[in-house]
Amino acid sequence: MTYELDSKLLFRWLISNCLITICFGLFLALICLVPSCAPPLSALFIAGKIDLLLPYIIFTLVVSAMISLSCYWDSL
């Protein structure tokens, strides 16, 4: 059995994943910049020593999603 992927459905799925990833990265950035907006998460990041790596994680999330988004957009 072979399955064919509908290109429009795949494009919508990839675009929605890119937008969700960008929103998640911006949410993490908001937690870093304004810790009072989500105190339990901010405390978890500080207690777990992830606060040192968080800027790199945010950068990777947002930039990779934006690169993917531009590649998908150019393939139209």
Protein backbone atom coordinates (compact mmCIF):
# COMPACT_ATOMS: atom_id res chain seq x y z
CA MET A 1 0.00 0.00 0.00
CA THR A 2 1.28 3.41 -0.92
CA TYR A 3 0.05 6.66 0.45
CA GLU A 4 0.29 9.93 -1.38
CA LEU A 5 0.81 13.10 0.55
CA ASP A 6 -1.32 16.02 -0.45
CA SER A 7 1.10 18.90 -0.90
CA LYS A 8 -1.39 21.52 0.32
CA LEU A 9 -2.10 19.55 3.48
CA LEU A 10 1.60 19.02 4.10
CA PHE A 11 2.27 22.73 3.54
CA ARG A 12 -0.45 23.72 6.02
CA TRP A 13 0.88 21.24 8.57
CA LEU A 14 4.46 22.52 8.26
CA ILE A 15 3.40 26.17 8.43
CA SER A 16 1.28 25.55 11.52
CA ASN A 17 4.18 23.72 13.18
CA CYS A 18 6.52 26.62 12.40
CA LEU A 19 4.10 29.16 13.86
CA ILE A 20 3.56 27.07 16.99
CA THR A 21 7.32 26.73 17.43
CA ILE A 22 7.81 30.48 17.06
CA CYS A 23 5.05 31.15 19.61
CA PHE A 24 6.63 28.66 22.04
CA GLY A 25 10.00 30.36 21.66
CA LEU A 26 8.48 33.78 22.25
CA PHE A 27 6.68 32.43 25.32
CA LEU A 28 9.99 31.17 26.71
CA ALA A 29 11.54 34.56 25.98
CA LEU A 30 8.68 36.27 27.81
CA ILE A 31 9.25 34.06 30.84
CA CYS A 32 12.94 34.99 30.81
CA LEU A 33 12.37 38.71 30.39
CA VAL A 34 9.36 39.05 32.70
CA PRO A 35 9.54 36.29 35.35
CA SER A 36 6.41 37.59 37.10
CA CYS A 37 4.18 36.49 34.20
CA ALA A 38 4.70 32.81 35.07
CA PRO A 39 6.38 32.49 38.48
CA PRO A 40 6.24 28.65 38.73
CA LEU A 41 7.93 28.21 35.34
CA SER A 42 10.50 30.87 36.10
CA ALA A 43 11.32 29.20 39.41
CA LEU A 44 11.57 25.84 37.65
CA PHE A 45 14.05 27.21 35.12
CA ILE A 46 16.20 28.81 37.82
CA ALA A 47 16.11 25.76 40.13
CA GLY A 48 16.83 23.35 37.29
CA LYS A 49 19.87 25.32 36.08
CA ILE A 50 18.29 25.55 32.62
CA ASP A 51 18.41 29.34 32.74
CA LEU A 52 21.97 29.24 31.37
CA LEU A 53 20.90 27.33 28.24
CA LEU A 54 17.53 28.96 27.74
CA PRO A 55 18.68 31.82 25.46
CA TYR A 56 20.33 29.31 23.13
CA ILE A 57 17.22 27.11 23.14
CA ILE A 58 15.02 30.10 22.30
CA PHE A 59 17.37 31.23 19.54
CA THR A 60 17.44 27.74 18.03
CA LEU A 61 13.65 27.37 18.18
CA VAL A 62 12.81 30.70 16.64
CA VAL A 63 15.54 30.81 13.99
CA SER A 64 15.03 27.23 12.81
CA ALA A 65 11.29 27.78 12.54
CA MET A 66 11.80 31.03 10.62
CA ILE A 67 14.25 29.36 8.22
CA SER A 68 11.81 26.50 7.66
CA LEU A 69 8.98 28.97 7.15
CA SER A 70 10.96 30.89 4.54
CA CYS A 71 11.90 27.65 2.74
CA TYR A 72 8.27 26.52 2.67
CA TRP A 73 7.11 29.93 1.53
CA ASP A 74 9.68 30.01 -1.30
CA SER A 75 8.58 26.58 -2.50
CA LEU A 76 5.15 27.89 -3.47
